[in-house]
């Protein structure tokens, strides 16, 4: 059973209690925060492995928490939110969130997303880096550099990028990629995958609408092109 420490950020005591009981039953350790200030301090002081974050806090927004923490940490954030529009979700990912889950949600779904967010590809399974022209991907340090400028990817975006590069030239189906990123039991994640691919292209491609590396195979999936 996991002993990973998870920070629960929500000003609703009933929700924190429900999350704490469910997570501790699975072996996770938990700490809690009820405000933006407490959340940032807890992350700096306790270095949890993951944060479950509500967007509405009494002294600010969850987005502000993410933006401030991203100045010193790449800790995964899973946002618990009632938002539903694609624009809201894109804004959330742009702010540095790794994933989101829409309320109401099942604990089974949340636990699956937590396992995915905590999972990391073993270093020995990846080459040390990939480089082509102005784009450099450092798998060991989880860094991407474009035109000599470091580009920040969310953990999920980096995992997608790593998997596609490792399978350069192969067509990776939507189903295979979804299960790789969100787990074997993942359902209805096509929209999430599409949003992450769109964001990834914006960050790594010179012309996202005419990608050179991350190619769509219509109706099938995606392919990473290794150009000669």
C-alpha atoms as a PDB file:
ATOM      1  CA  UNK A   1       0.000   0.000   0.000  1.00  0.00           C
ATOM      2  CA  UNK A   2       1.151   3.487  -0.822  1.00  0.00           C
ATOM      3  CA  UNK A   3       2.593   5.824   1.799  1.00  0.00           C
ATOM      4  CA  UNK A   4       2.654   8.818  -0.508  1.00  0.00           C
ATOM      5  CA  UNK A   5       1.623  12.105   1.107  1.00  0.00           C
ATOM      6  CA  UNK A   6      -1.328  13.898  -0.505  1.00  0.00           C
ATOM      7  CA  UNK A   7      -2.408  17.453   0.308  1.00  0.00           C
ATOM      8  CA  UNK A   8      -6.177  18.049   0.405  1.00  0.00           C
ATOM      9  CA  UNK A   9      -7.091  21.678  -0.281  1.00  0.00           C
ATOM     10  CA  UNK A  10     -10.753  22.520   0.248  1.00  0.00           C
ATOM     11  CA  UNK A  11     -12.592  24.807   2.670  1.00  0.00           C
ATOM     12  CA  UNK A  12     -15.448  22.304   2.961  1.00  0.00           C
ATOM     13  CA  UNK A  13     -14.741  20.112   5.980  1.00  0.00           C
ATOM     14  CA  UNK A  14     -17.136  17.375   4.865  1.00  0.00           C
ATOM     15  CA  UNK A  15     -15.362  16.979   1.521  1.00  0.00           C
ATOM     16  CA  UNK A  16     -11.937  16.900   3.196  1.00  0.00           C
ATOM     17  CA  UNK A  17     -13.168  14.237   5.618  1.00  0.00           C
ATOM     18  CA  UNK A  18     -14.581  12.106   2.800  1.00  0.00           C
ATOM     19  CA  UNK A  19     -11.342  12.364   0.827  1.00  0.00           C
ATOM     20  CA  UNK A  20      -9.177  11.701   3.878  1.00  0.00           C
ATOM     21  CA  UNK A  21     -11.076   8.549   4.850  1.00  0.00           C
ATOM     22  CA  UNK A  22     -11.037   7.162   1.312  1.00  0.00           C
ATOM     23  CA  UNK A  23      -7.352   7.915   0.700  1.00  0.00           C
ATOM     24  CA  UNK A  24      -6.110   6.678   4.065  1.00  0.00           C
ATOM     25  CA  UNK A  25      -8.066   3.463   3.544  1.00  0.00           C
ATOM     26  CA  UNK A  26      -5.866   2.937   0.467  1.00  0.00           C
ATOM     27  CA  UNK A  27      -2.682   3.591   2.434  1.00  0.00           C
ATOM     28  CA  UNK A  28      -2.048   7.206   1.456  1.00  0.00           C
ATOM     29  CA  UNK A  29      -0.997   9.762   4.023  1.00  0.00           C
ATOM     30  CA  UNK A  30      -2.896  13.049   4.007  1.00  0.00           C
ATOM     31  CA  UNK A  31      -2.555  16.613   5.237  1.00  0.00           C
ATOM     32  CA  UNK A  32      -5.130  19.343   4.835  1.00  0.00           C
ATOM     33  CA  UNK A  33      -5.366  23.019   3.991  1.00  0.00           C
ATOM     34  CA  UNK A  34      -8.434  25.244   3.852  1.00  0.00           C
ATOM     35  CA  UNK A  35      -7.042  28.328   2.120  1.00  0.00           C
ATOM     36  CA  UNK A  36      -4.685  29.509  -0.596  1.00  0.00           C
ATOM     37  CA  UNK A  37      -2.145  30.634   2.012  1.00  0.00           C
ATOM     38  CA  UNK A  38      -2.225  27.315   3.898  1.00  0.00           C
ATOM     39  CA  UNK A  39      -1.956  25.338   0.651  1.00  0.00           C
ATOM     40  CA  UNK A  40       1.181  27.119  -0.552  1.00  0.00           C
ATOM     41  CA  UNK A  41       2.797  26.903   2.891  1.00  0.00           C
ATOM     42  CA  UNK A  42       1.996  23.188   3.195  1.00  0.00           C
ATOM     43  CA  UNK A  43       3.515  22.431  -0.198  1.00  0.00           C
ATOM     44  CA  UNK A  44       6.695  24.352   0.666  1.00  0.00           C
ATOM     45  CA  UNK A  45       7.023  22.822   4.142  1.00  0.00           C
ATOM     46  CA  UNK A  46       5.866  19.230   3.664  1.00  0.00           C
ATOM     47  CA  UNK A  47       6.623  18.477  -0.019  1.00  0.00           C
ATOM     48  CA  UNK A  48       3.581  16.255  -0.653  1.00  0.00           C
ATOM     49  CA  UNK A  49       3.625  14.000  -3.690  1.00  0.00           C
ATOM     50  CA  UNK A  50       0.330  15.325  -5.060  1.00  0.00           C
ATOM     51  CA  UNK A  51      -2.325  17.994  -4.392  1.00  0.00           C
ATOM     52  CA  UNK A  52      -6.097  17.614  -4.665  1.00  0.00           C
ATOM     53  CA  UNK A  53      -7.264  21.174  -5.129  1.00  0.00           C
ATOM     54  CA  UNK A  54     -10.647  22.887  -5.053  1.00  0.00           C
ATOM     55  CA  UNK A  55     -10.796  26.049  -7.171  1.00  0.00           C
ATOM     56  CA  UNK A  56     -12.895  28.143  -4.775  1.00  0.00           C
ATOM     57  CA  UNK A  57     -10.944  29.126  -1.660  1.00  0.00           C
ATOM     58  CA  UNK A  58     -11.767  31.826   0.906  1.00  0.00           C
ATOM     59  CA  UNK A  59      -8.651  33.926   0.252  1.00  0.00           C
ATOM     60  CA  UNK A  60      -8.128  33.358  -3.455  1.00  0.00           C
ATOM     61  CA  UNK A  61      -8.535  30.841  -6.256  1.00  0.00           C
ATOM     62  CA  UNK A  62      -7.019  27.446  -6.820  1.00  0.00           C
ATOM     63  CA  UNK A  63      -5.540  28.772 -10.058  1.00  0.00           C
ATOM     64  CA  UNK A  64      -3.541  31.285  -8.025  1.00  0.00           C
ATOM     65  CA  UNK A  65      -2.216  28.443  -5.885  1.00  0.00           C
ATOM     66  CA  UNK A  66      -1.043  26.564  -8.963  1.00  0.00           C
ATOM     67  CA  UNK A  67       0.608  29.598 -10.557  1.00  0.00           C
ATOM     68  CA  UNK A  68       2.518  30.493  -7.375  1.00  0.00           C
ATOM     69  CA  UNK A  69       3.610  26.921  -6.665  1.00  0.00           C
ATOM     70  CA  UNK A  70       4.803  26.464 -10.254  1.00  0.00           C
ATOM     71  CA  UNK A  71       7.504  29.025  -9.481  1.00  0.00           C
ATOM     72  CA  UNK A  72       9.243  26.491  -7.235  1.00  0.00           C
ATOM     73  CA  UNK A  73       7.699  23.050  -7.739  1.00  0.00           C
ATOM     74  CA  UNK A  74       6.361  20.706 -10.444  1.00  0.00           C
ATOM     75  CA  UNK A  75       4.155  18.793  -7.989  1.00  0.00           C
ATOM     76  CA  UNK A  76       1.096  17.279  -9.726  1.00  0.00           C
ATOM     77  CA  UNK A  77      -2.207  19.068  -9.151  1.00  0.00           C
ATOM     78  CA  UNK A  78      -5.545  17.354  -9.671  1.00  0.00           C
ATOM     79  CA  UNK A  79      -8.281  19.972  -9.602  1.00  0.00           C
ATOM     80  CA  UNK A  80     -11.715  19.053  -8.254  1.00  0.00           C
ATOM     81  CA  UNK A  81     -14.155  21.328 -10.045  1.00  0.00           C
ATOM     82  CA  UNK A  82     -17.698  21.840 -11.269  1.00  0.00           C
ATOM     83  CA  UNK A  83     -16.433  23.421 -14.484  1.00  0.00           C
ATOM     84  CA  UNK A  84     -17.554  21.837 -17.718  1.00  0.00           C
ATOM     85  CA  UNK A  85     -16.558  24.048 -20.662  1.00  0.00           C
ATOM     86  CA  UNK A  86     -13.526  23.207 -22.780  1.00  0.00           C
ATOM     87  CA  UNK A  87     -12.310  26.820 -22.459  1.00  0.00           C
ATOM     88  CA  UNK A  88     -12.232  26.499 -18.671  1.00  0.00           C
ATOM     89  CA  UNK A  89     -10.323  23.240 -18.882  1.00  0.00           C
ATOM     90  CA  UNK A  90      -7.757  24.687 -21.291  1.00  0.00           C
ATOM     91  CA  UNK A  91      -7.277  27.687 -18.998  1.00  0.00           C
ATOM     92  CA  UNK A  92      -6.754  25.304 -16.109  1.00  0.00           C
ATOM     93  CA  UNK A  93      -4.097  23.282 -17.948  1.00  0.00           C
ATOM     94  CA  UNK A  94      -2.405  26.473 -19.139  1.00  0.00           C
ATOM     95  CA  UNK A  95      -2.161  27.565 -15.506  1.00  0.00           C
ATOM     96  CA  UNK A  96      -0.162  24.427 -14.673  1.00  0.00           C
ATOM     97  CA  UNK A  97      -2.693  21.861 -13.489  1.00  0.00           C
ATOM     98  CA  UNK A  98      -1.878  18.277 -14.401  1.00  0.00           C
ATOM     99  CA  UNK A  99      -5.409  16.937 -14.460  1.00  0.00           C
ATOM    100  CA  UNK A 100      -8.965  17.764 -13.465  1.00  0.00           C
ATOM    101  CA  UNK A 101     -11.994  15.792 -12.385  1.00  0.00           C
ATOM    102  CA  UNK A 102     -15.498  17.197 -12.618  1.00  0.00           C
ATOM    103  CA  UNK A 103     -17.809  17.099  -9.607  1.00  0.00           C
ATOM    104  CA  UNK A 104     -19.636  14.932  -8.771  1.00  0.00           C
ATOM    105  CA  UNK A 105     -17.127  12.104  -9.190  1.00  0.00           C
ATOM    106  CA  UNK A 106     -16.697   8.566  -7.935  1.00  0.00           C
ATOM    107  CA  UNK A 107     -13.869   7.692  -5.565  1.00  0.00           C
ATOM    108  CA  UNK A 108     -12.858   4.921  -7.936  1.00  0.00           C
ATOM    109  CA  UNK A 109     -12.292   7.424 -10.712  1.00  0.00           C
ATOM    110  CA  UNK A 110     -10.396   9.796  -8.424  1.00  0.00           C
ATOM    111  CA  UNK A 111      -8.162   7.017  -7.093  1.00  0.00           C
ATOM    112  CA  UNK A 112      -7.366   5.942 -10.661  1.00  0.00           C
ATOM    113  CA  UNK A 113      -6.346   9.486 -11.572  1.00  0.00           C
ATOM    114  CA  UNK A 114      -4.203   9.755  -8.451  1.00  0.00           C
ATOM    115  CA  UNK A 115      -2.378   6.527  -9.334  1.00  0.00           C
ATOM    116  CA  UNK A 116      -1.793   7.840 -12.848  1.00  0.00           C
ATOM    117  CA  UNK A 117      -0.508  11.211 -11.653  1.00  0.00           C
ATOM    118  CA  UNK A 118       1.908   9.532  -9.232  1.00  0.00           C
ATOM    119  CA  UNK A 119       3.154   7.046 -11.786  1.00  0.00           C
ATOM    120  CA  UNK A 120       6.440   7.886 -13.476  1.00  0.00           C
ATOM    121  CA  UNK A 121       8.181   6.151 -16.347  1.00  0.00           C
ATOM    122  CA  UNK A 122      11.370   4.447 -15.119  1.00  0.00           C
ATOM    123  CA  UNK A 123      14.431   6.319 -16.307  1.00  0.00           C
ATOM    124  CA  UNK A 124      15.999   3.152 -17.656  1.00  0.00           C
ATOM    125  CA  UNK A 125      13.107   2.699 -20.097  1.00  0.00           C
ATOM    126  CA  UNK A 126      13.835   5.974 -21.851  1.00  0.00           C
ATOM    127  CA  UNK A 127      16.826   7.360 -23.727  1.00  0.00           C
ATOM    128  CA  UNK A 128      18.606  10.225 -21.999  1.00  0.00           C
ATOM    129  CA  UNK A 129      17.342  12.788 -24.493  1.00  0.00           C
ATOM    130  CA  UNK A 130      15.849  13.404 -27.922  1.00  0.00           C
ATOM    131  CA  UNK A 131      16.977  16.295 -30.094  1.00  0.00           C
ATOM    132  CA  UNK A 132      15.972  17.644 -33.469  1.00  0.00           C
ATOM    133  CA  UNK A 133      16.890  21.103 -34.686  1.00  0.00           C
ATOM    134  CA  UNK A 134      15.561  23.623 -32.127  1.00  0.00           C
ATOM    135  CA  UNK A 135      13.691  21.089 -29.968  1.00  0.00           C
ATOM    136  CA  UNK A 136      15.400  19.139 -27.172  1.00  0.00           C
ATOM    137  CA  UNK A 137      13.653  16.709 -24.816  1.00  0.00           C
ATOM    138  CA  UNK A 138      15.609  15.696 -21.695  1.00  0.00           C
ATOM    139  CA  UNK A 139      13.937  12.548 -20.318  1.00  0.00           C
ATOM    140  CA  UNK A 140      16.156  12.270 -17.244  1.00  0.00           C
ATOM    141  CA  UNK A 141      15.434  15.774 -15.942  1.00  0.00           C
ATOM    142  CA  UNK A 142      11.925  16.033 -17.416  1.00  0.00           C
ATOM    143  CA  UNK A 143      12.801  19.166 -19.357  1.00  0.00           C
ATOM    144  CA  UNK A 144      11.915  20.436 -22.815  1.00  0.00           C
ATOM    145  CA  UNK A 145      13.902  23.193 -24.518  1.00  0.00           C
ATOM    146  CA  UNK A 146      12.749  24.956 -27.676  1.00  0.00           C
ATOM    147  CA  UNK A 147      14.892  27.599 -29.355  1.00  0.00           C
ATOM    148  CA  UNK A 148      17.158  27.473 -26.284  1.00  0.00           C
ATOM    149  CA  UNK A 149      14.248  28.398 -24.002  1.00  0.00           C
ATOM    150  CA  UNK A 150      12.941  25.923 -21.433  1.00  0.00           C
ATOM    151  CA  UNK A 151       9.285  25.046 -22.006  1.00  0.00           C
ATOM    152  CA  UNK A 152       7.207  23.935 -19.051  1.00  0.00           C
ATOM    153  CA  UNK A 153       5.045  20.879 -19.659  1.00  0.00           C
ATOM    154  CA  UNK A 154       2.571  19.424 -17.197  1.00  0.00           C
ATOM    155  CA  UNK A 155       3.442  15.893 -15.987  1.00  0.00           C
ATOM    156  CA  UNK A 156       0.672  14.493 -18.183  1.00  0.00           C
ATOM    157  CA  UNK A 157       1.929  16.348 -21.258  1.00  0.00           C
ATOM    158  CA  UNK A 158       5.455  15.115 -20.618  1.00  0.00           C
ATOM    159  CA  UNK A 159       4.221  11.535 -20.235  1.00  0.00           C
ATOM    160  CA  UNK A 160       2.355  11.745 -23.548  1.00  0.00           C
ATOM    161  CA  UNK A 161       5.397  13.250 -25.254  1.00  0.00           C
ATOM    162  CA  UNK A 162       7.731  10.588 -23.835  1.00  0.00           C
ATOM    163  CA  UNK A 163       5.484   7.722 -24.918  1.00  0.00           C
ATOM    164  CA  UNK A 164       5.106   9.069 -28.458  1.00  0.00           C
ATOM    165  CA  UNK A 165       8.839   9.709 -28.875  1.00  0.00           C
ATOM    166  CA  UNK A 166       9.668   6.234 -27.564  1.00  0.00           C
ATOM    167  CA  UNK A 167       7.389   4.907 -30.286  1.00  0.00           C
ATOM    168  CA  UNK A 168       8.572   7.264 -33.045  1.00  0.00           C
ATOM    169  CA  UNK A 169       7.171   6.441 -36.449  1.00  0.00           C
ATOM    170  CA  UNK A 170       4.432   4.190 -35.056  1.00  0.00           C
ATOM    171  CA  UNK A 171       0.747   5.077 -35.136  1.00  0.00           C
ATOM    172  CA  UNK A 172      -0.442   5.072 -31.527  1.00  0.00           C
ATOM    173  CA  UNK A 173      -4.199   4.605 -31.331  1.00  0.00           C
ATOM    174  CA  UNK A 174      -6.386   6.775 -29.142  1.00  0.00           C
ATOM    175  CA  UNK A 175      -7.271   3.742 -27.019  1.00  0.00           C
ATOM    176  CA  UNK A 176      -3.658   2.720 -26.426  1.00  0.00           C
ATOM    177  CA  UNK A 177      -2.611   6.254 -25.514  1.00  0.00           C
ATOM    178  CA  UNK A 178      -5.574   6.794 -23.179  1.00  0.00           C
ATOM    179  CA  UNK A 179      -4.895   3.550 -21.321  1.00  0.00           C
ATOM    180  CA  UNK A 180      -1.187   4.364 -21.088  1.00  0.00           C
ATOM    181  CA  UNK A 181      -1.846   7.805 -19.606  1.00  0.00           C
ATOM    182  CA  UNK A 182      -5.041   7.326 -17.583  1.00  0.00           C
ATOM    183  CA  UNK A 183      -4.896   3.602 -16.808  1.00  0.00           C
ATOM    184  CA  UNK A 184      -6.459   0.374 -18.047  1.00  0.00           C
ATOM    185  CA  UNK A 185      -9.900   1.211 -16.660  1.00  0.00           C
ATOM    186  CA  UNK A 186     -10.067   4.696 -18.199  1.00  0.00           C
ATOM    187  CA  UNK A 187     -13.341   5.604 -19.887  1.00  0.00           C
ATOM    188  CA  UNK A 188     -14.527   8.671 -21.809  1.00  0.00           C
ATOM    189  CA  UNK A 189     -11.089  10.340 -21.824  1.00  0.00           C
ATOM    190  CA  UNK A 190     -11.058  11.216 -25.526  1.00  0.00           C
ATOM    191  CA  UNK A 191     -11.795  14.881 -24.835  1.00  0.00           C
ATOM    192  CA  UNK A 192      -9.069  15.045 -22.183  1.00  0.00           C
ATOM    193  CA  UNK A 193      -6.588  13.484 -24.609  1.00  0.00           C
ATOM    194  CA  UNK A 194      -7.533  15.949 -27.347  1.00  0.00           C
ATOM    195  CA  UNK A 195      -7.108  18.912 -24.994  1.00  0.00           C
ATOM    196  CA  UNK A 196      -3.681  17.700 -23.840  1.00  0.00           C
ATOM    197  CA  UNK A 197      -2.532  17.083 -27.433  1.00  0.00           C
ATOM    198  CA  UNK A 198      -3.675  20.588 -28.414  1.00  0.00           C
ATOM    199  CA  UNK A 199      -1.767  22.120 -25.513  1.00  0.00           C
ATOM    200  CA  UNK A 200       1.325  20.037 -26.227  1.00  0.00           C
ATOM    201  CA  UNK A 201       1.373  21.171 -29.853  1.00  0.00           C
ATOM    202  CA  UNK A 202       1.103  24.812 -28.795  1.00  0.00           C
ATOM    203  CA  UNK A 203       4.228  24.387 -26.706  1.00  0.00           C
ATOM    204  CA  UNK A 204       6.490  22.303 -28.954  1.00  0.00           C
ATOM    205  CA  UNK A 205       5.459  23.016 -32.550  1.00  0.00           C
ATOM    206  CA  UNK A 206       6.467  26.126 -34.509  1.00  0.00           C
ATOM    207  CA  UNK A 207       3.057  26.038 -36.195  1.00  0.00           C
ATOM    208  CA  UNK A 208       0.549  24.074 -34.071  1.00  0.00           C
ATOM    209  CA  UNK A 209      -2.008  24.029 -36.896  1.00  0.00           C
ATOM    210  CA  UNK A 210       0.595  22.456 -39.214  1.00  0.00           C
ATOM    211  CA  UNK A 211       2.573  20.188 -36.869  1.00  0.00           C
ATOM    212  CA  UNK A 212       5.903  18.724 -37.953  1.00  0.00           C
ATOM    213  CA  UNK A 213       6.382  16.242 -35.125  1.00  0.00           C
ATOM    214  CA  UNK A 214       3.048  15.336 -33.491  1.00  0.00           C
ATOM    215  CA  UNK A 215       0.901  14.167 -36.379  1.00  0.00           C
ATOM    216  CA  UNK A 216      -2.781  13.235 -36.242  1.00  0.00           C
ATOM    217  CA  UNK A 217      -3.843  10.042 -37.981  1.00  0.00           C
ATOM    218  CA  UNK A 218      -7.540  10.864 -38.571  1.00  0.00           C
ATOM    219  CA  UNK A 219      -9.904   8.504 -36.800  1.00  0.00           C
ATOM    220  CA  UNK A 220      -7.025   6.409 -35.474  1.00  0.00           C
ATOM    221  CA  UNK A 221      -4.617   8.257 -33.195  1.00  0.00           C
ATOM    222  CA  UNK A 222      -1.275  10.051 -33.284  1.00  0.00           C
ATOM    223  CA  UNK A 223       2.236   9.527 -34.612  1.00  0.00           C
ATOM    224  CA  UNK A 224       5.552  11.117 -33.702  1.00  0.00           C
ATOM    225  CA  UNK A 225       7.511  11.791 -36.865  1.00  0.00           C
ATOM    226  CA  UNK A 226      11.276  11.246 -36.811  1.00  0.00           C
ATOM    227  CA  UNK A 227      12.437  13.376 -39.689  1.00  0.00           C
ATOM    228  CA  UNK A 228      15.616  12.624 -41.553  1.00  0.00           C
END
